[in-house]
Amino acid sequence: MKLKDQVVLIIGGARGIGATIAHTFSGEGASIVLVDLEKMTTELDAVVQAIHQKGGQAIAIATDCSDERQVNALVDETVRRFGKIDVLINSAGFRGPLVAVTEISEKEFDQVILYNLKLVFLCCRAVLKQMAKQKSGSIVSISGTAGREGMAMRGSLCAAKWGVVGLTQTIAKEFGPAGIRANVICPGGMDEPDLREMYAERAKNLGLTFAELENQILALTPLRKYAKHEEVAKAALFLASSDSSHTTGESLNVSGGRLMS
């Protein structure tokens, strides 16, 4: 097992990529701490129960990770229960408005930065203090194609996701000597209803039909398909485990070939 006896903290673990990572990592022997907002408690509990039914170990802690005090309390509680944190997964996010830069309000921009960048900063800062004591640890943050290229109608999200990449590279340089690694995964479009809803809204704002926008995007994707949650989870497992022991500060594209640098 690649993560036997390791403690993994998953931010945004109630559904989607985060929940799939939880199941994948549990299957590799990790103890899972699932974190999401209070309103996601039902979904969090369902993931925990599913892991328990398979013989795994998991708990859920409802936390607003955009709040410094709650993040610090989360880390303290995790260490109290398990004694350490080996892996941090940052999988929470908020897509924000799908409009031109000139149409983004200050409030909207601030919200996107808060939930896609500041939240990652707060979680990394709190967990790094514990990992530094351990002199070991791995941080994996989910960015996306918006963190590797500018995209029309995605200005605020691109700004935040590019920030995650820069923050991750800085952490890798600052904490590498302490045995701590930090990397990013940049998935392409995910095979899920949320993606299709977002494409429909973005297409409308671009003056296109849903089919036209989807065809354009898939035409730029050599594998001609969307990414599955399981594919992203396997990439996260590689970066979290000793399989990538000499890899840090990197952005791993899981985009079907849409991104190649």
Protein backbone atom coordinates (compact mmCIF):
# COMPACT_ATOMS: atom_id res chain seq x y z
CA MET A 1 0.00 0.00 0.00
CA LYS A 2 1.38 3.38 -1.03
CA LEU A 3 -0.01 5.37 1.94
CA LYS A 4 -0.04 2.81 4.74
CA ASP A 5 -0.38 4.46 8.19
CA GLN A 6 -0.34 7.97 6.70
CA VAL A 7 -2.78 10.71 7.72
CA VAL A 8 -4.33 12.65 4.84
CA LEU A 9 -6.24 15.91 5.24
CA ILE A 10 -8.57 16.56 2.29
CA ILE A 11 -10.03 20.05 1.93
CA GLY A 12 -13.18 19.96 -0.19
CA GLY A 13 -13.77 16.26 0.37
CA ALA A 14 -17.55 16.04 0.27
CA ARG A 15 -17.90 15.35 -3.43
CA GLY A 16 -16.23 15.34 -6.84
CA ILE A 17 -12.45 15.12 -7.05
CA GLY A 18 -11.97 15.42 -3.29
CA ALA A 19 -14.31 12.53 -2.48
CA THR A 20 -12.72 10.33 -5.14
CA ILE A 21 -9.27 11.09 -3.77
CA ALA A 22 -10.54 10.09 -0.33
CA HIS A 23 -11.69 6.68 -1.59
CA THR A 24 -8.50 6.14 -3.58
CA PHE A 25 -6.18 7.08 -0.72
CA SER A 26 -8.14 5.03 1.80
CA GLY A 27 -7.70 2.03 -0.45
CA GLU A 28 -3.95 2.63 -0.19
CA GLY A 29 -3.98 2.47 3.60
CA ALA A 30 -4.36 6.13 4.59
CA SER A 31 -6.43 7.51 7.46
CA ILE A 32 -8.63 10.22 5.96
CA VAL A 33 -9.78 13.51 7.47
CA LEU A 34 -12.51 14.89 5.22
CA VAL A 35 -13.23 18.61 5.38
CA ASP A 36 -15.95 20.73 3.84
CA LEU A 37 -18.49 23.38 4.75
CA GLU A 38 -21.19 22.78 7.38
CA LYS A 39 -23.84 22.71 4.65
CA MET A 40 -22.06 19.71 3.10
CA THR A 41 -22.26 17.59 6.28
CA THR A 42 -24.65 15.05 4.74
CA GLU A 43 -22.32 14.48 1.79
CA LEU A 44 -19.27 14.34 4.07
CA ASP A 45 -20.88 11.73 6.30
CA ALA A 46 -21.83 9.65 3.27
CA VAL A 47 -18.21 9.51 2.10
CA VAL A 48 -17.03 8.59 5.60
CA GLN A 49 -19.59 5.79 5.86
CA ALA A 50 -18.65 4.44 2.44
CA ILE A 51 -14.99 4.32 3.47
CA HIS A 52 -15.90 2.60 6.76
CA GLN A 53 -17.91 -0.01 4.89
CA LYS A 54 -14.79 -0.90 2.91
CA GLY A 55 -12.77 -1.28 6.11
CA GLY A 56 -11.05 2.09 5.93
CA GLN A 57 -10.57 4.80 8.54
CA ALA A 58 -12.06 8.26 8.02
CA ILE A 59 -13.58 11.13 9.96
CA ALA A 60 -15.34 14.31 8.85
CA ILE A 61 -14.76 17.78 10.29
CA ALA A 62 -17.03 20.57 9.04
CA THR A 63 -14.87 23.67 8.60
CA ASP A 64 -14.96 26.94 6.69
CA CYS A 65 -11.36 26.95 5.49
CA SER A 66 -11.59 30.58 4.41
CA ASP A 67 -11.50 31.44 8.12
CA GLU A 68 -8.05 31.42 9.74
CA ARG A 69 -9.26 30.45 13.22
CA GLN A 70 -11.26 27.51 11.91
CA VAL A 71 -8.31 26.28 9.82
CA ASN A 72 -5.98 26.41 12.82
CA ALA A 73 -8.56 24.55 14.93
CA LEU A 74 -8.91 21.93 12.19
CA VAL A 75 -5.18 21.27 12.09
CA ASP A 76 -4.98 21.13 15.89
CA GLU A 77 -7.86 18.65 16.05
CA THR A 78 -6.36 16.46 13.33
CA VAL A 79 -3.01 16.32 15.15
CA ARG A 80 -4.77 15.67 18.46
CA ARG A 81 -6.58 12.68 16.99
CA PHE A 82 -3.89 11.23 14.75
CA GLY A 83 -0.61 12.71 15.97
CA LYS A 84 0.53 13.98 12.57
CA ILE A 85 -0.43 15.12 9.06
CA ASP A 86 1.41 13.43 6.22
CA VAL A 87 -0.53 14.75 3.23
CA LEU A 88 -2.64 17.85 2.55
CA ILE A 89 -4.97 17.85 -0.44
CA ASN A 90 -6.43 21.23 -1.42
CA SER A 91 -9.47 20.38 -3.54
CA ALA A 92 -11.95 23.10 -2.58
CA GLY A 93 -12.90 25.72 -5.14
CA PHE A 94 -15.40 28.24 -6.42
CA ARG A 95 -15.62 28.98 -10.14
CA GLY A 96 -16.95 32.53 -9.93
CA PRO A 97 -18.49 34.65 -12.69
CA LEU A 98 -18.27 33.67 -16.35
CA VAL A 99 -18.09 37.18 -17.77
CA ALA A 100 -15.54 39.54 -19.27
CA VAL A 101 -13.05 41.18 -16.92
CA THR A 102 -14.85 44.52 -17.24
CA GLU A 103 -18.05 42.88 -15.93
CA ILE A 104 -16.54 41.26 -12.82
CA SER A 105 -17.53 43.12 -9.67
CA GLU A 106 -15.03 43.72 -6.90
CA LYS A 107 -17.10 41.51 -4.58
CA GLU A 108 -17.11 38.67 -7.11
CA PHE A 109 -13.37 38.94 -7.66
CA ASP A 110 -12.70 38.94 -3.92
CA GLN A 111 -14.87 35.83 -3.43
CA VAL A 112 -13.03 33.89 -6.12
CA ILE A 113 -9.64 34.85 -4.66
CA LEU A 114 -10.87 33.95 -1.16
CA TYR A 115 -12.09 30.44 -1.98
CA ASN A 116 -9.53 29.48 -4.61
CA LEU A 117 -6.32 31.11 -3.36
CA LYS A 118 -6.51 32.54 0.16
CA LEU A 119 -8.14 29.31 1.38
CA VAL A 120 -5.23 27.31 -0.05
CA PHE A 121 -2.76 29.70 1.58
CA LEU A 122 -4.43 29.40 5.00
CA CYS A 123 -4.50 25.60 4.86
CA CYS A 124 -0.92 25.33 3.61
CA ARG A 125 0.39 27.75 6.23
CA ALA A 126 -1.27 25.92 9.12
CA VAL A 127 -0.29 22.43 7.92
CA LEU A 128 3.27 23.45 7.05
CA LYS A 129 3.95 24.32 10.68
CA GLN A 130 3.10 20.75 11.65
CA MET A 131 4.94 19.20 8.71
CA ALA A 132 8.04 21.24 9.55
CA LYS A 133 8.04 19.66 13.03
CA GLN A 134 7.81 16.24 11.40
CA LYS A 135 10.41 17.14 8.77
CA SER A 136 8.22 15.44 6.17
CA GLY A 137 5.01 15.91 4.24
CA SER A 138 3.42 16.32 0.84
CA ILE A 139 0.98 19.00 -0.31
CA VAL A 140 -1.09 18.53 -3.47
CA SER A 141 -3.31 21.38 -4.65
CA ILE A 142 -5.86 21.19 -7.46
CA SER A 143 -5.55 24.05 -9.92
CA GLY A 144 -6.71 23.47 -13.51
CA THR A 145 -6.28 24.66 -17.06
CA ALA A 146 -7.25 28.09 -15.70
CA GLY A 147 -4.00 28.00 -13.76
CA ARG A 148 -1.88 27.45 -16.86
CA GLU A 149 -3.40 29.72 -19.52
CA GLY A 150 -5.63 32.76 -19.80
CA MET A 151 -9.24 31.95 -20.69
CA ALA A 152 -11.97 34.25 -21.94
CA MET A 153 -14.75 34.77 -19.40
CA ARG A 154 -12.62 33.21 -16.61
CA GLY A 155 -10.56 36.22 -15.50
CA SER A 156 -11.02 35.96 -11.74
CA LEU A 157 -10.57 32.18 -11.68
CA CYS A 158 -7.41 32.38 -13.82
CA ALA A 159 -5.96 34.97 -11.46
CA ALA A 160 -6.64 32.73 -8.45
CA LYS A 161 -5.48 29.47 -9.99
CA TRP A 162 -2.26 31.00 -11.34
CA GLY A 163 -1.73 32.21 -7.79
CA VAL A 164 -2.00 28.64 -6.50
CA VAL A 165 0.79 27.58 -8.87
CA GLY A 166 3.04 30.44 -7.72
CA LEU A 167 2.32 29.77 -4.06
CA THR A 168 3.08 26.07 -4.52
CA GLN A 169 6.43 26.74 -6.18
CA THR A 170 7.34 29.11 -3.35
CA ILE A 171 6.45 26.50 -0.72
CA ALA A 172 8.51 23.91 -2.60
CA LYS A 173 11.57 26.17 -2.48
CA GLU A 174 11.12 27.28 1.12
CA PHE A 175 10.30 23.90 2.66
CA GLY A 176 12.16 21.46 0.42
CA PRO A 177 15.15 21.49 2.79
CA ALA A 178 12.77 20.33 5.55
CA GLY A 179 11.71 17.29 3.51
CA ILE A 180 8.35 18.73 2.47
CA ARG A 181 7.14 18.55 -1.12
CA ALA A 182 4.42 20.67 -2.78
CA ASN A 183 2.88 20.11 -6.19
CA VAL A 184 -0.15 21.06 -8.26
CA ILE A 185 -2.50 19.08 -10.48
CA CYS A 186 -4.04 20.88 -13.45
CA PRO A 187 -7.02 18.85 -14.67
CA GLY A 188 -8.74 19.58 -17.96
CA GLY A 189 -12.52 19.62 -18.17
CA MET A 190 -14.03 17.12 -15.75
CA ASP A 191 -16.65 14.60 -16.81
CA GLU A 192 -19.38 15.88 -14.50
CA PRO A 193 -22.67 17.84 -14.59
CA ASP A 194 -21.03 20.97 -13.12
CA LEU A 195 -18.78 21.22 -16.17
CA ARG A 196 -21.68 21.09 -18.60
CA GLU A 197 -23.56 23.72 -16.61
CA MET A 198 -20.49 25.99 -16.68
CA TYR A 199 -19.95 25.41 -20.42
CA ALA A 200 -23.58 26.30 -21.14
CA GLU A 201 -23.26 29.63 -19.32
CA ARG A 202 -19.85 30.40 -20.80
CA ALA A 203 -21.05 29.56 -24.33
CA LYS A 204 -23.97 31.94 -23.96
CA ASN A 205 -21.66 34.77 -22.88
CA LEU A 206 -19.35 34.03 -25.82
CA GLY A 207 -22.24 34.04 -28.31
CA LEU A 208 -21.89 30.31 -29.02
CA THR A 209 -24.08 27.28 -28.61
CA PHE A 210 -23.12 24.66 -26.02
CA ALA A 211 -22.22 22.22 -28.81
CA GLU A 212 -20.00 24.77 -30.56
CA LEU A 213 -18.03 25.53 -27.40
CA GLU A 214 -17.73 21.87 -26.45
CA ASN A 215 -16.52 20.95 -29.93
CA GLN A 216 -13.93 23.74 -29.85
CA ILE A 217 -12.56 22.54 -26.52
CA LEU A 218 -12.49 18.86 -27.43
CA ALA A 219 -10.84 19.72 -30.76
CA LEU A 220 -7.96 21.20 -28.72
CA THR A 221 -7.77 18.04 -26.59
CA PRO A 222 -5.81 15.29 -28.40
CA LEU A 223 -7.49 12.50 -26.42
CA ARG A 224 -10.88 13.98 -27.35
CA LYS A 225 -12.47 13.36 -23.96
CA TYR A 226 -13.03 14.83 -20.53
CA ALA A 227 -11.04 13.85 -17.45
CA LYS A 228 -12.56 11.43 -14.96
CA HIS A 229 -12.33 11.93 -11.22
CA GLU A 230 -10.47 8.64 -10.90
CA GLU A 231 -7.77 9.83 -13.32
CA VAL A 232 -7.15 12.94 -11.24
CA ALA A 233 -7.15 10.87 -8.03
CA LYS A 234 -4.45 8.58 -9.43
CA ALA A 235 -2.32 11.61 -10.30
CA ALA A 236 -2.83 12.90 -6.75
CA LEU A 237 -1.76 9.51 -5.38
CA PHE A 238 1.46 9.70 -7.38
CA LEU A 239 2.27 13.17 -6.06
CA ALA A 240 1.26 12.38 -2.47
CA SER A 241 3.19 9.13 -2.20
CA SER A 242 6.87 8.21 -2.26
CA ASP A 243 6.48 7.34 -5.95
CA SER A 244 7.23 11.05 -6.56
CA SER A 245 9.86 11.41 -3.83
CA HIS A 246 12.09 13.61 -6.04
CA THR A 247 9.27 15.75 -7.46
CA THR A 248 8.36 19.15 -6.03
CA GLY A 249 7.18 22.52 -7.31
CA GLU A 250 5.66 20.88 -10.38
CA SER A 251 2.31 21.29 -12.12
CA LEU A 252 1.06 17.96 -13.45
CA ASN A 253 -1.39 18.34 -16.32
CA VAL A 254 -4.25 15.84 -16.46
CA SER A 255 -5.86 17.46 -19.46
CA GLY A 256 -5.94 14.86 -22.22
CA GLY A 257 -3.08 16.68 -23.94
CA ARG A 258 -4.75 20.09 -24.02
CA LEU A 259 -1.87 21.44 -21.94
CA MET A 260 1.64 20.26 -22.81
CA SER A 261 3.99 22.53 -20.88
